[in-house]
Protein backbone atom coordinates (compact mmCIF):
# COMPACT_ATOMS: atom_id res chain seq x y z
CA MET A 1 -23.76 -25.43 60.62
CA SER A 2 -27.30 -26.49 61.51
CA ASP A 3 -29.35 -28.89 59.39
CA THR A 4 -31.75 -26.04 58.58
CA THR A 5 -28.93 -23.89 57.21
CA THR A 6 -27.44 -26.82 55.28
CA LYS A 7 -30.77 -27.65 53.67
CA SER A 8 -31.33 -24.00 52.83
CA ILE A 9 -27.92 -23.69 51.13
CA GLU A 10 -28.42 -27.02 49.35
CA GLN A 11 -31.81 -25.89 48.08
CA LEU A 12 -30.35 -22.56 46.92
CA ILE A 13 -27.50 -24.16 44.97
CA HIS A 14 -29.91 -26.60 43.29
CA GLU A 15 -32.31 -23.77 42.36
CA TYR A 16 -29.36 -21.75 41.03
CA HIS A 17 -28.11 -24.56 38.82
CA ASP A 18 -31.61 -25.61 37.78
CA ALA A 19 -31.95 -22.12 36.27
CA TRP A 20 -28.72 -22.60 34.29
CA ASP A 21 -29.75 -26.15 33.29
CA ARG A 22 -32.94 -24.84 31.69
CA GLY A 23 -31.02 -22.02 29.98
CA ASP A 24 -32.52 -19.23 32.10
CA GLN A 25 -29.40 -17.13 32.60
CA GLU A 26 -31.25 -14.16 34.09
CA ALA A 27 -32.68 -16.41 36.80
CA GLY A 28 -29.18 -17.86 37.30
CA TRP A 29 -27.41 -14.59 37.86
CA ALA A 30 -30.26 -13.38 40.11
CA PHE A 31 -28.67 -15.62 42.78
CA TYR A 32 -25.58 -13.37 42.86
CA SER A 33 -25.32 -10.40 45.22
CA ASP A 34 -24.81 -7.05 43.51
CA ASP A 35 -21.27 -6.88 44.92
CA VAL A 36 -20.30 -10.51 44.24
CA LEU A 37 -16.64 -11.29 43.61
CA VAL A 38 -16.11 -14.00 40.96
CA HIS A 39 -12.70 -15.58 40.40
CA MET A 40 -12.17 -17.34 37.05
CA ALA A 41 -9.04 -19.49 36.97
CA GLY A 42 -6.48 -19.56 34.20
CA ARG A 43 -4.67 -17.18 31.88
CA GLY A 44 -7.11 -16.98 28.98
CA PRO A 45 -9.25 -14.08 27.79
CA LEU A 46 -12.00 -14.85 30.35
CA SER A 47 -9.71 -15.44 33.33
CA GLY A 48 -9.44 -13.05 36.24
CA ASP A 49 -11.58 -11.46 38.89
CA TYR A 50 -14.98 -9.92 38.25
CA HIS A 51 -16.10 -7.31 40.78
CA GLY A 52 -19.87 -7.11 41.05
CA LYS A 53 -22.74 -8.88 39.35
CA GLN A 54 -22.85 -6.41 36.47
CA ASP A 55 -19.13 -6.83 35.77
CA PHE A 56 -19.51 -10.63 35.75
CA VAL A 57 -22.63 -10.55 33.54
CA ASP A 58 -21.26 -7.99 31.08
CA ASN A 59 -17.67 -9.20 30.86
CA TRP A 60 -17.99 -12.96 31.30
CA VAL A 61 -21.53 -14.25 30.73
CA GLN A 62 -22.37 -11.94 27.82
CA ARG A 63 -18.96 -12.46 26.20
CA VAL A 64 -19.46 -16.25 26.32
CA ASN A 65 -22.99 -15.82 24.93
CA ALA A 66 -21.74 -13.66 22.06
CA TYR A 67 -18.84 -16.00 21.24
CA CYS A 68 -20.63 -19.36 21.39
CA ASP A 69 -23.28 -20.71 19.06
CA GLU A 70 -24.42 -22.94 21.91
CA TRP A 71 -23.68 -23.06 25.66
CA ARG A 72 -25.10 -25.77 27.86
CA VAL A 73 -24.65 -25.95 31.63
CA GLY A 74 -25.44 -28.91 33.85
CA TYR A 75 -24.37 -30.33 37.16
CA ASP A 76 -24.09 -33.63 38.96
CA ASN A 77 -25.68 -33.20 42.36
CA LYS A 78 -23.84 -36.28 43.64
CA THR A 79 -20.65 -34.21 43.76
CA LEU A 80 -22.21 -31.54 45.94
CA MET A 81 -20.35 -30.79 49.18
CA ILE A 82 -21.62 -28.35 51.77
CA GLY A 83 -19.52 -26.96 54.59
CA ASP A 84 -19.42 -24.05 56.95
CA ASP A 85 -17.59 -21.91 54.40
CA GLY A 86 -19.57 -22.68 51.27
CA VAL A 87 -20.64 -25.12 48.62
CA VAL A 88 -18.51 -27.08 46.13
CA LEU A 89 -20.13 -28.43 42.99
CA MET A 90 -18.93 -30.17 39.83
CA ILE A 91 -20.42 -28.36 36.84
CA LYS A 92 -20.61 -29.81 33.34
CA GLU A 93 -20.42 -27.27 30.52
CA THR A 94 -20.49 -27.64 26.76
CA TRP A 95 -19.51 -24.80 24.46
CA ARG A 96 -19.93 -24.93 20.69
CA LYS A 97 -18.81 -22.48 18.01
CA GLY A 98 -19.06 -23.55 14.39
CA ASP A 99 -17.53 -27.00 14.14
CA LYS A 100 -15.61 -26.60 17.42
CA GLU A 101 -17.07 -28.13 20.56
CA PHE A 102 -15.55 -28.27 24.04
CA LEU A 103 -16.92 -30.18 27.02
CA THR A 104 -15.55 -29.44 30.46
CA ASP A 105 -15.97 -30.43 34.05
CA ARG A 106 -15.68 -27.29 36.15
CA ILE A 107 -15.32 -26.98 39.88
CA GLY A 108 -17.55 -24.25 41.28
CA ILE A 109 -17.06 -23.04 44.84
CA TYR A 110 -19.71 -20.72 46.19
CA ARG A 111 -19.85 -18.65 49.36
CA TYR A 112 -23.30 -17.52 50.44
CA GLU A 113 -24.57 -14.72 52.66
CA ASN A 114 -28.25 -13.88 53.09
CA GLU A 115 -29.24 -16.46 50.45
CA LEU A 116 -27.10 -14.82 47.76
CA ILE A 117 -23.75 -15.84 46.30
CA VAL A 118 -21.20 -13.28 47.50
CA GLU A 119 -18.06 -14.96 46.18
CA ALA A 120 -17.42 -17.73 43.66
CA TRP A 121 -14.38 -19.53 42.29
CA PHE A 122 -14.44 -21.48 39.01
CA SER A 123 -11.72 -23.72 37.61
CA ASP A 124 -11.92 -26.06 34.63
CA MET A 125 -10.50 -29.54 34.96
CA ASN A 126 -9.00 -28.99 31.49
CA GLN A 127 -8.09 -25.33 31.87
CA ALA A 128 -5.74 -25.40 28.87
CA GLY A 129 -8.52 -26.77 26.64
CA ALA A 130 -10.96 -24.09 27.82
CA GLU A 131 -8.39 -21.39 27.13
CA GLU A 132 -7.68 -22.83 23.68
CA PHE A 133 -11.41 -22.90 22.84
CA PHE A 134 -11.81 -19.24 23.81
CA GLY A 135 -8.37 -18.28 22.49
CA ASP A 136 -9.56 -15.90 19.78
CA LEU A 137 -12.29 -14.29 21.89
CA THR A 138 -12.00 -10.52 21.88
């Protein structure tokens, strides 16, 4: 991978997560290709594969929005790794509903083509805790 490509991918992933950091979800999901494939780890109500941006937005992002009173996303750019096959990033998320709050470190792996995310994998470091928090999500 050339330095130009690496810098371009690094800039894209920072712009993507900057959108989520400031709470601009529409800007965040604009980085996904229309036919993106998103893999969410685990066995909970949000786990599984999402086929296409609209599927991911409607059936993951909007479900989390509707369930949570507050959802904050951040990242630590020191954990960023870029390789020929994609980008790996440690994401920090906080979800709150009523008096319940859950903080998680999440690994995000992104594969890019033509400056858009075409495939992503997400796995929480405390997957059981994430599944418990969202356990009664319908």
